[in-house]
Amino acid sequence: MRRLVVVVVACLFAAVGPRIRGPHDRAAGEPFVYQPPEGFVLDKGDVAKSINDDASREREWVHPATLGHSIAPRIHLSPSNKGGTVEAVDLARIADGMAGMLEPTGVTWSEVRRETRTRADGSRVGLIEGECTKTTNELGAGPVTVKYRRLLFVFPTDEGSTVTTAVYGTDEIGTWQAVFEDSIGKARGVALRVPPPPNWMYLAWGAAGAVLAWLAASLKAKRDLRLSMAPPAMPAAKLAKLAKVPKAPKVPDAPKVRDTPSDAPADGEP
């Protein structure tokens, strides 16, 4: 029985302790707003017309192509009511699905990096970057293979998460990479999603619960043993009878003696 109690208490400590004492999520308290870098404007082209419609939650910004470069940098924003955590396993799931998502469009994906950035306010943002290639005839010089970078930011929000995707030419990494990363700290409405407690914390709380339960059970067992070895208690009626004190016998009153002065005449004397 004692072992069962110890196991139950240890499990309770391990399950509840880290969640009570560990860090907690913090809501942003305002809608998410992304501020694109300077020079980016909403795309008015036919392709992005439906995206930037007032009824759509998505947005797409574009920057004029730099002289001598064929790719115009652009940013696509896509909110979602799901997600919100930016741990390694979450970013890995997104990165692993990029190749399959882009393959139907003729784009190849090769992951470059993925990490979690911490902002000045303590909130955390996921970052995934990959190198893409695509063969296109849109440049007017026959089939041309274009290489570019695709940089994703995963922002936790009160509604779920928002993913921004920045696209820029591989030949402009030095120009745009730092600029896009700087926009992480300028976004508003970013919620805090803390990582789950590490495994060692669960083990520590479980061990603490087991020790406390074992000590409590041991103290109770010693107390029960001490009580079992004590002499049986005397019945209350008998104890009251023994405790009753007999009354002291009544002492008779002493005879009264009249006080007579020694020089007073006796009866019959003049």
C-alpha atoms as a PDB file:
ATOM      1  CA  MET A   1       0.000   0.000   0.000  1.00  0.00           C
ATOM      2  CA  ARG A   2       2.838   2.344   0.859  1.00  0.00           C
ATOM      3  CA  ARG A   3       4.477   1.775  -2.520  1.00  0.00           C
ATOM      4  CA  LEU A   4       1.231   2.519  -4.322  1.00  0.00           C
ATOM      5  CA  VAL A   5       0.866   5.815  -2.457  1.00  0.00           C
ATOM      6  CA  VAL A   6       4.454   6.765  -3.276  1.00  0.00           C
ATOM      7  CA  VAL A   7       3.973   6.009  -6.988  1.00  0.00           C
ATOM      8  CA  VAL A   8       0.723   7.991  -7.186  1.00  0.00           C
ATOM      9  CA  VAL A   9       2.195  11.040  -5.418  1.00  0.00           C
ATOM     10  CA  ALA A  10       5.334  10.924  -7.571  1.00  0.00           C
ATOM     11  CA  CYS A  11       3.249  10.878 -10.750  1.00  0.00           C
ATOM     12  CA  LEU A  12       1.154  13.809  -9.537  1.00  0.00           C
ATOM     13  CA  PHE A  13       4.246  15.846  -8.691  1.00  0.00           C
ATOM     14  CA  ALA A  14       5.822  15.064 -12.077  1.00  0.00           C
ATOM     15  CA  ALA A  15       2.678  16.021 -13.989  1.00  0.00           C
ATOM     16  CA  VAL A  16       1.695  19.159 -12.095  1.00  0.00           C
ATOM     17  CA  GLY A  17       4.904  20.573 -10.648  1.00  0.00           C
ATOM     18  CA  PRO A  18       6.709  21.702 -13.826  1.00  0.00           C
ATOM     19  CA  ARG A  19       3.551  23.346 -15.165  1.00  0.00           C
ATOM     20  CA  ILE A  20       2.924  25.300 -11.967  1.00  0.00           C
ATOM     21  CA  ARG A  21       6.467  26.441 -11.281  1.00  0.00           C
ATOM     22  CA  GLY A  22       7.699  26.746 -14.876  1.00  0.00           C
ATOM     23  CA  PRO A  23       7.287  29.725 -17.246  1.00  0.00           C
ATOM     24  CA  HIS A  24       3.872  30.332 -18.775  1.00  0.00           C
ATOM     25  CA  ASP A  25       2.567  31.554 -22.115  1.00  0.00           C
ATOM     26  CA  ARG A  26       1.765  35.246 -22.451  1.00  0.00           C
ATOM     27  CA  ALA A  27      -0.880  36.673 -24.755  1.00  0.00           C
ATOM     28  CA  ALA A  28       0.017  39.596 -26.996  1.00  0.00           C
ATOM     29  CA  GLY A  29      -3.192  41.442 -26.151  1.00  0.00           C
ATOM     30  CA  GLU A  30      -3.452  43.024 -29.612  1.00  0.00           C
ATOM     31  CA  PRO A  31      -3.843  41.939 -33.257  1.00  0.00           C
ATOM     32  CA  PHE A  32      -0.741  40.934 -35.151  1.00  0.00           C
ATOM     33  CA  VAL A  33       0.743  43.625 -37.398  1.00  0.00           C
ATOM     34  CA  TYR A  34       3.773  43.038 -39.612  1.00  0.00           C
ATOM     35  CA  GLN A  35       5.817  46.012 -40.732  1.00  0.00           C
ATOM     36  CA  PRO A  36       7.642  45.241 -43.999  1.00  0.00           C
ATOM     37  CA  PRO A  37      11.033  46.858 -44.582  1.00  0.00           C
ATOM     38  CA  GLU A  38      11.204  50.278 -46.135  1.00  0.00           C
ATOM     39  CA  GLY A  39      10.453  50.405 -49.843  1.00  0.00           C
ATOM     40  CA  PHE A  40       7.946  47.526 -49.887  1.00  0.00           C
ATOM     41  CA  VAL A  41       4.413  48.336 -51.083  1.00  0.00           C
ATOM     42  CA  LEU A  42       1.288  46.237 -51.510  1.00  0.00           C
ATOM     43  CA  ASP A  43       1.445  44.370 -54.795  1.00  0.00           C
ATOM     44  CA  LYS A  44      -1.152  45.731 -57.217  1.00  0.00           C
ATOM     45  CA  GLY A  45      -0.499  43.127 -59.906  1.00  0.00           C
ATOM     46  CA  ASP A  46      -3.172  40.756 -61.190  1.00  0.00           C
ATOM     47  CA  VAL A  47      -1.665  37.770 -59.385  1.00  0.00           C
ATOM     48  CA  ALA A  48      -1.738  39.434 -55.963  1.00  0.00           C
ATOM     49  CA  LYS A  49      -4.995  41.335 -56.514  1.00  0.00           C
ATOM     50  CA  SER A  50      -7.143  38.742 -54.749  1.00  0.00           C
ATOM     51  CA  ILE A  51      -4.574  38.329 -51.979  1.00  0.00           C
ATOM     52  CA  ASN A  52      -4.617  42.017 -51.049  1.00  0.00           C
ATOM     53  CA  ASP A  53      -8.396  42.241 -51.222  1.00  0.00           C
ATOM     54  CA  ASP A  54     -10.035  43.723 -48.127  1.00  0.00           C
ATOM     55  CA  ALA A  55     -11.887  40.456 -47.502  1.00  0.00           C
ATOM     56  CA  SER A  56      -8.639  38.461 -47.434  1.00  0.00           C
ATOM     57  CA  ARG A  57      -6.493  37.986 -44.363  1.00  0.00           C
ATOM     58  CA  GLU A  58      -3.387  37.473 -46.504  1.00  0.00           C
ATOM     59  CA  ARG A  59      -1.128  40.227 -47.735  1.00  0.00           C
ATOM     60  CA  GLU A  60       1.715  40.506 -50.246  1.00  0.00           C
ATOM     61  CA  TRP A  61       4.255  43.284 -50.589  1.00  0.00           C
ATOM     62  CA  VAL A  62       6.789  43.813 -53.380  1.00  0.00           C
ATOM     63  CA  HIS A  63       9.921  45.891 -53.797  1.00  0.00           C
ATOM     64  CA  PRO A  64      11.098  47.169 -57.185  1.00  0.00           C
ATOM     65  CA  ALA A  65      13.843  45.021 -58.646  1.00  0.00           C
ATOM     66  CA  THR A  66      17.306  46.406 -58.134  1.00  0.00           C
ATOM     67  CA  LEU A  67      19.119  47.429 -61.296  1.00  0.00           C
ATOM     68  CA  GLY A  68      21.035  44.478 -62.689  1.00  0.00           C
ATOM     69  CA  HIS A  69      18.988  41.879 -60.773  1.00  0.00           C
ATOM     70  CA  SER A  70      16.134  39.867 -62.218  1.00  0.00           C
ATOM     71  CA  ILE A  71      14.138  39.040 -59.076  1.00  0.00           C
ATOM     72  CA  ALA A  72      12.005  41.635 -57.341  1.00  0.00           C
ATOM     73  CA  PRO A  73      12.002  40.924 -53.598  1.00  0.00           C
ATOM     74  CA  ARG A  74       8.561  40.233 -52.165  1.00  0.00           C
ATOM     75  CA  ILE A  75       6.919  39.267 -48.878  1.00  0.00           C
ATOM     76  CA  HIS A  76       3.820  37.136 -48.437  1.00  0.00           C
ATOM     77  CA  LEU A  77       1.873  37.101 -45.149  1.00  0.00           C
ATOM     78  CA  SER A  78      -0.418  34.200 -44.274  1.00  0.00           C
ATOM     79  CA  PRO A  79      -2.261  34.041 -40.909  1.00  0.00           C
ATOM     80  CA  SER A  80      -3.581  30.808 -39.427  1.00  0.00           C
ATOM     81  CA  ASN A  81      -5.762  29.815 -36.493  1.00  0.00           C
ATOM     82  CA  LYS A  82      -3.489  26.845 -35.823  1.00  0.00           C
ATOM     83  CA  GLY A  83       0.036  26.439 -34.580  1.00  0.00           C
ATOM     84  CA  GLY A  84       1.707  29.036 -32.437  1.00  0.00           C
ATOM     85  CA  THR A  85       4.655  27.050 -31.086  1.00  0.00           C
ATOM     86  CA  VAL A  86       8.108  27.498 -32.586  1.00  0.00           C
ATOM     87  CA  GLU A  87      10.080  24.639 -31.074  1.00  0.00           C
ATOM     88  CA  ALA A  88      12.579  22.618 -33.084  1.00  0.00           C
ATOM     89  CA  VAL A  89      10.047  19.884 -33.797  1.00  0.00           C
ATOM     90  CA  ASP A  90       7.500  22.440 -35.081  1.00  0.00           C
ATOM     91  CA  LEU A  91       9.992  24.124 -37.403  1.00  0.00           C
ATOM     92  CA  ALA A  92      11.235  20.741 -38.624  1.00  0.00           C
ATOM     93  CA  ARG A  93       7.698  19.762 -39.588  1.00  0.00           C
ATOM     94  CA  ILE A  94       7.276  22.936 -41.655  1.00  0.00           C
ATOM     95  CA  ALA A  95      10.704  22.631 -43.271  1.00  0.00           C
ATOM     96  CA  ASP A  96      10.174  18.975 -44.160  1.00  0.00           C
ATOM     97  CA  GLY A  97       6.967  19.862 -45.981  1.00  0.00           C
ATOM     98  CA  MET A  98       8.384  22.672 -48.105  1.00  0.00           C
ATOM     99  CA  ALA A  99       9.815  20.491 -50.872  1.00  0.00           C
ATOM    100  CA  GLY A 100       6.523  18.687 -51.438  1.00  0.00           C
ATOM    101  CA  MET A 101       4.537  21.931 -51.356  1.00  0.00           C
ATOM    102  CA  LEU A 102       6.730  23.647 -53.964  1.00  0.00           C
ATOM    103  CA  GLU A 103       7.277  20.676 -56.276  1.00  0.00           C
ATOM    104  CA  PRO A 104       4.000  21.115 -58.233  1.00  0.00           C
ATOM    105  CA  THR A 105       5.072  24.656 -59.165  1.00  0.00           C
ATOM    106  CA  GLY A 106       8.378  23.450 -60.596  1.00  0.00           C
ATOM    107  CA  VAL A 107      10.421  24.785 -57.674  1.00  0.00           C
ATOM    108  CA  THR A 108      13.050  22.768 -55.848  1.00  0.00           C
ATOM    109  CA  TRP A 109      13.798  23.391 -52.172  1.00  0.00           C
ATOM    110  CA  SER A 110      17.016  22.832 -50.242  1.00  0.00           C
ATOM    111  CA  GLU A 111      17.013  23.765 -46.574  1.00  0.00           C
ATOM    112  CA  VAL A 112      19.734  26.181 -45.454  1.00  0.00           C
ATOM    113  CA  ARG A 113      18.925  26.772 -41.776  1.00  0.00           C
ATOM    114  CA  ARG A 114      16.198  26.831 -39.154  1.00  0.00           C
ATOM    115  CA  GLU A 115      16.288  28.348 -35.686  1.00  0.00           C
ATOM    116  CA  THR A 116      14.251  30.148 -33.032  1.00  0.00           C
ATOM    117  CA  ARG A 117      14.887  33.844 -32.402  1.00  0.00           C
ATOM    118  CA  THR A 118      14.057  35.581 -29.105  1.00  0.00           C
ATOM    119  CA  ARG A 119      12.818  39.156 -29.356  1.00  0.00           C
ATOM    120  CA  ALA A 120      13.512  41.952 -26.873  1.00  0.00           C
ATOM    121  CA  ASP A 121      10.100  41.418 -25.228  1.00  0.00           C
ATOM    122  CA  GLY A 122      10.851  37.738 -24.617  1.00  0.00           C
ATOM    123  CA  SER A 123       8.567  36.367 -27.345  1.00  0.00           C
ATOM    124  CA  ARG A 124      10.049  33.788 -29.689  1.00  0.00           C
ATOM    125  CA  VAL A 125       9.848  33.605 -33.493  1.00  0.00           C
ATOM    126  CA  GLY A 126      10.688  30.689 -35.744  1.00  0.00           C
ATOM    127  CA  LEU A 127      13.017  31.140 -38.727  1.00  0.00           C
ATOM    128  CA  ILE A 128      13.363  28.791 -41.692  1.00  0.00           C
ATOM    129  CA  GLU A 129      15.450  29.536 -44.788  1.00  0.00           C
ATOM    130  CA  GLY A 130      15.934  27.514 -47.937  1.00  0.00           C
ATOM    131  CA  GLU A 131      17.464  27.868 -51.357  1.00  0.00           C
ATOM    132  CA  CYS A 132      15.134  27.410 -54.302  1.00  0.00           C
ATOM    133  CA  THR A 133      15.689  26.892 -58.027  1.00  0.00           C
ATOM    134  CA  LYS A 134      13.209  27.214 -60.862  1.00  0.00           C
ATOM    135  CA  THR A 135      13.480  27.017 -64.616  1.00  0.00           C
ATOM    136  CA  THR A 136      11.371  29.715 -66.266  1.00  0.00           C
ATOM    137  CA  ASN A 137      10.709  31.335 -69.626  1.00  0.00           C
ATOM    138  CA  GLU A 138       9.353  34.536 -68.091  1.00  0.00           C
ATOM    139  CA  LEU A 139      12.608  36.467 -68.490  1.00  0.00           C
ATOM    140  CA  GLY A 140      12.329  36.509 -72.310  1.00  0.00           C
ATOM    141  CA  ALA A 141      15.661  34.834 -72.996  1.00  0.00           C
ATOM    142  CA  GLY A 142      14.525  31.229 -73.298  1.00  0.00           C
ATOM    143  CA  PRO A 143      14.605  28.735 -70.426  1.00  0.00           C
ATOM    144  CA  VAL A 144      16.596  30.187 -67.541  1.00  0.00           C
ATOM    145  CA  THR A 145      17.277  28.560 -64.181  1.00  0.00           C
ATOM    146  CA  VAL A 146      16.789  31.078 -61.417  1.00  0.00           C
ATOM    147  CA  LYS A 147      18.164  30.649 -57.904  1.00  0.00           C
ATOM    148  CA  TYR A 148      16.653  32.491 -55.003  1.00  0.00           C
ATOM    149  CA  ARG A 149      16.183  32.339 -51.239  1.00  0.00           C
ATOM    150  CA  ARG A 150      12.903  31.760 -49.427  1.00  0.00           C
ATOM    151  CA  LEU A 151      12.946  33.026 -45.819  1.00  0.00           C
ATOM    152  CA  LEU A 152      10.046  32.141 -43.516  1.00  0.00           C
ATOM    153  CA  PHE A 153       9.228  33.709 -40.142  1.00  0.00           C
ATOM    154  CA  VAL A 154       6.693  31.989 -37.875  1.00  0.00           C
ATOM    155  CA  PHE A 155       5.095  34.498 -35.466  1.00  0.00           C
ATOM    156  CA  PRO A 156       2.958  33.145 -32.574  1.00  0.00           C
ATOM    157  CA  THR A 157      -0.209  35.232 -32.197  1.00  0.00           C
ATOM    158  CA  ASP A 158      -3.257  35.237 -29.945  1.00  0.00           C
ATOM    159  CA  GLU A 159      -5.266  33.685 -32.791  1.00  0.00           C
ATOM    160  CA  GLY A 160      -2.693  31.012 -33.641  1.00  0.00           C
ATOM    161  CA  SER A 161       0.259  31.937 -35.836  1.00  0.00           C
ATOM    162  CA  THR A 162       1.231  34.072 -38.816  1.00  0.00           C
ATOM    163  CA  VAL A 163       3.857  33.053 -41.361  1.00  0.00           C
ATOM    164  CA  THR A 164       5.672  35.604 -43.495  1.00  0.00           C
ATOM    165  CA  THR A 165       7.640  34.404 -46.505  1.00  0.00           C
ATOM    166  CA  ALA A 166      10.296  36.661 -48.031  1.00  0.00           C
ATOM    167  CA  VAL A 167      11.692  35.872 -51.481  1.00  0.00           C
ATOM    168  CA  TYR A 168      14.889  37.441 -52.836  1.00  0.00           C
ATOM    169  CA  GLY A 169      17.624  36.551 -55.291  1.00  0.00           C
ATOM    170  CA  THR A 170      20.601  34.507 -54.185  1.00  0.00           C
ATOM    171  CA  ASP A 171      22.811  37.240 -55.575  1.00  0.00           C
ATOM    172  CA  GLU A 172      21.271  39.711 -53.080  1.00  0.00           C
ATOM    173  CA  ILE A 173      21.677  37.772 -49.847  1.00  0.00           C
ATOM    174  CA  GLY A 174      24.006  40.415 -48.459  1.00  0.00           C
ATOM    175  CA  THR A 175      21.467  43.142 -49.220  1.00  0.00           C
ATOM    176  CA  TRP A 176      18.198  41.649 -47.960  1.00  0.00           C
ATOM    177  CA  GLN A 177      18.869  38.899 -45.449  1.00  0.00           C
ATOM    178  CA  ALA A 178      19.736  41.208 -42.519  1.00  0.00           C
ATOM    179  CA  VAL A 179      16.960  43.645 -43.496  1.00  0.00           C
ATOM    180  CA  PHE A 180      14.312  40.935 -43.334  1.00  0.00           C
ATOM    181  CA  GLU A 181      15.644  39.538 -40.057  1.00  0.00           C
ATOM    182  CA  ASP A 182      15.502  43.024 -38.555  1.00  0.00           C
ATOM    183  CA  SER A 183      11.745  43.092 -39.203  1.00  0.00           C
ATOM    184  CA  ILE A 184      11.279  40.311 -36.614  1.00  0.00           C
ATOM    185  CA  GLY A 185      11.648  42.789 -33.773  1.00  0.00           C
ATOM    186  CA  LYS A 186       9.380  45.410 -35.361  1.00  0.00           C
ATOM    187  CA  ALA A 187       6.255  43.247 -35.624  1.00  0.00           C
ATOM    188  CA  ARG A 188       3.480  43.920 -33.103  1.00  0.00           C
ATOM    189  CA  GLY A 189       1.018  41.510 -31.514  1.00  0.00           C
ATOM    190  CA  VAL A 190       3.500  38.655 -31.069  1.00  0.00           C
ATOM    191  CA  ALA A 191       2.463  36.252 -28.306  1.00  0.00           C
ATOM    192  CA  LEU A 192       4.845  34.350 -26.055  1.00  0.00           C
ATOM    193  CA  ARG A 193       4.782  30.582 -26.404  1.00  0.00           C
ATOM    194  CA  VAL A 194       7.178  28.972 -23.952  1.00  0.00           C
ATOM    195  CA  PRO A 195       8.820  25.621 -24.663  1.00  0.00           C
ATOM    196  CA  PRO A 196       7.636  22.561 -22.744  1.00  0.00           C
ATOM    197  CA  PRO A 197       9.578  21.722 -19.555  1.00  0.00           C
ATOM    198  CA  PRO A 198      12.697  19.605 -20.142  1.00  0.00           C
ATOM    199  CA  ASN A 199      12.589  15.929 -19.247  1.00  0.00           C
ATOM    200  CA  TRP A 200      14.922  16.353 -16.271  1.00  0.00           C
ATOM    201  CA  MET A 201      12.408  18.707 -14.635  1.00  0.00           C
ATOM    202  CA  TYR A 202       9.695  16.033 -14.737  1.00  0.00           C
ATOM    203  CA  LEU A 203      12.137  13.543 -13.206  1.00  0.00           C
ATOM    204  CA  ALA A 204      13.163  16.009 -10.479  1.00  0.00           C
ATOM    205  CA  TRP A 205       9.575  16.764  -9.484  1.00  0.00           C
ATOM    206  CA  GLY A 206       8.677  13.068  -9.543  1.00  0.00           C
ATOM    207  CA  ALA A 207      11.645  12.216  -7.332  1.00  0.00           C
ATOM    208  CA  ALA A 208      10.721  14.987  -4.891  1.00  0.00           C
ATOM    209  CA  GLY A 209       7.163  13.697  -4.682  1.00  0.00           C
ATOM    210  CA  ALA A 210       8.366  10.140  -4.096  1.00  0.00           C
ATOM    211  CA  VAL A 211      10.680  11.234  -1.258  1.00  0.00           C
ATOM    212  CA  LEU A 212       7.972  13.295   0.459  1.00  0.00           C
ATOM    213  CA  ALA A 213       5.405  10.513   0.115  1.00  0.00           C
ATOM    214  CA  TRP A 214       7.849   7.923   1.487  1.00  0.00           C
ATOM    215  CA  LEU A 215       8.702  10.108   4.494  1.00  0.00           C
ATOM    216  CA  ALA A 216       5.046  10.791   5.243  1.00  0.00           C
ATOM    217  CA  ALA A 217       4.172   7.098   4.946  1.00  0.00           C
ATOM    218  CA  SER A 218       7.106   6.134   7.194  1.00  0.00           C
ATOM    219  CA  LEU A 219       6.099   8.627   9.882  1.00  0.00           C
ATOM    220  CA  LYS A 220       2.536   7.347   9.793  1.00  0.00           C
ATOM    221  CA  ALA A 221       3.699   3.736  10.059  1.00  0.00           C
ATOM    222  CA  LYS A 222       5.871   4.553  13.093  1.00  0.00           C
ATOM    223  CA  ARG A 223       3.007   6.366  14.759  1.00  0.00           C
ATOM    224  CA  ASP A 224       0.638   3.458  14.163  1.00  0.00           C
ATOM    225  CA  LEU A 225       3.203   1.025  15.577  1.00  0.00           C
ATOM    226  CA  ARG A 226       3.718   3.154  18.685  1.00  0.00           C
ATOM    227  CA  LEU A 227      -0.015   3.327  19.282  1.00  0.00           C
ATOM    228  CA  SER A 228      -0.417  -0.431  18.846  1.00  0.00           C
ATOM    229  CA  MET A 229       2.227  -1.140  21.515  1.00  0.00           C
ATOM    230  CA  ALA A 230       0.700   1.217  24.122  1.00  0.00           C
ATOM    231  CA  PRO A 231      -1.360  -0.360  26.997  1.00  0.00           C
ATOM    232  CA  PRO A 232      -5.075  -0.438  26.412  1.00  0.00           C
ATOM    233  CA  ALA A 233      -6.913   2.632  27.518  1.00  0.00           C
ATOM    234  CA  MET A 234      -8.883   2.374  30.798  1.00  0.00           C
ATOM    235  CA  PRO A 235     -12.657   2.649  30.434  1.00  0.00           C
ATOM    236  CA  ALA A 236     -13.902   6.141  31.048  1.00  0.00           C
ATOM    237  CA  ALA A 237     -16.312   5.058  33.842  1.00  0.00           C
ATOM    238  CA  LYS A 238     -13.566   3.313  35.766  1.00  0.00           C
ATOM    239  CA  LEU A 239     -11.194   6.196  35.260  1.00  0.00           C
ATOM    240  CA  ALA A 240     -13.794   8.597  36.626  1.00  0.00           C
ATOM    241  CA  LYS A 241     -14.389   6.364  39.649  1.00  0.00           C
ATOM    242  CA  LEU A 242     -10.695   6.253  40.455  1.00  0.00           C
ATOM    243  CA  ALA A 243     -10.377   9.931  40.041  1.00  0.00           C
ATOM    244  CA  LYS A 244     -13.235  10.595  42.514  1.00  0.00           C
ATOM    245  CA  VAL A 245     -11.806  11.932  45.803  1.00  0.00           C
ATOM    246  CA  PRO A 246     -13.652  10.711  49.015  1.00  0.00           C
ATOM    247  CA  LYS A 247     -14.996  13.371  51.328  1.00  0.00           C
ATOM    248  CA  ALA A 248     -13.082  14.043  54.557  1.00  0.00           C
ATOM    249  CA  PRO A 249     -14.907  12.999  57.843  1.00  0.00           C
ATOM    250  CA  LYS A 250     -16.751  15.778  59.623  1.00  0.00           C
ATOM    251  CA  VAL A 251     -15.018  17.024  62.764  1.00  0.00           C
ATOM    252  CA  PRO A 252     -17.440  17.789  65.721  1.00  0.00           C
ATOM    253  CA  ASP A 253     -17.558  21.334  66.986  1.00  0.00           C
ATOM    254  CA  ALA A 254     -15.591  22.018  70.212  1.00  0.00           C
ATOM    255  CA  PRO A 255     -17.674  22.911  73.367  1.00  0.00           C
ATOM    256  CA  LYS A 256     -18.067  26.576  74.006  1.00  0.00           C
ATOM    257  CA  VAL A 257     -16.185  27.895  77.104  1.00  0.00           C
ATOM    258  CA  ARG A 258     -17.344  31.101  78.744  1.00  0.00           C
ATOM    259  CA  ASP A 259     -14.628  33.556  79.332  1.00  0.00           C
ATOM    260  CA  THR A 260     -14.540  34.557  83.105  1.00  0.00           C
ATOM    261  CA  PRO A 261     -12.024  37.030  84.541  1.00  0.00           C
ATOM    262  CA  SER A 262      -9.747  35.464  87.176  1.00  0.00           C
ATOM    263  CA  ASP A 263     -10.476  38.131  89.729  1.00  0.00           C
ATOM    264  CA  ALA A 264     -14.232  37.983  89.407  1.00  0.00           C
ATOM    265  CA  PRO A 265     -16.025  36.661  92.545  1.00  0.00           C
ATOM    266  CA  ALA A 266     -17.346  33.200  92.381  1.00  0.00           C
ATOM    267  CA  ASP A 267     -21.027  32.508  92.612  1.00  0.00           C
ATOM    268  CA  GLY A 268     -22.375  33.025  96.181  1.00  0.00           C
ATOM    269  CA  GLU A 269     -19.407  35.169  97.342  1.00  0.00           C
ATOM    270  CA  PRO A 270     -19.977  38.820  98.269  1.00  0.00           C
END
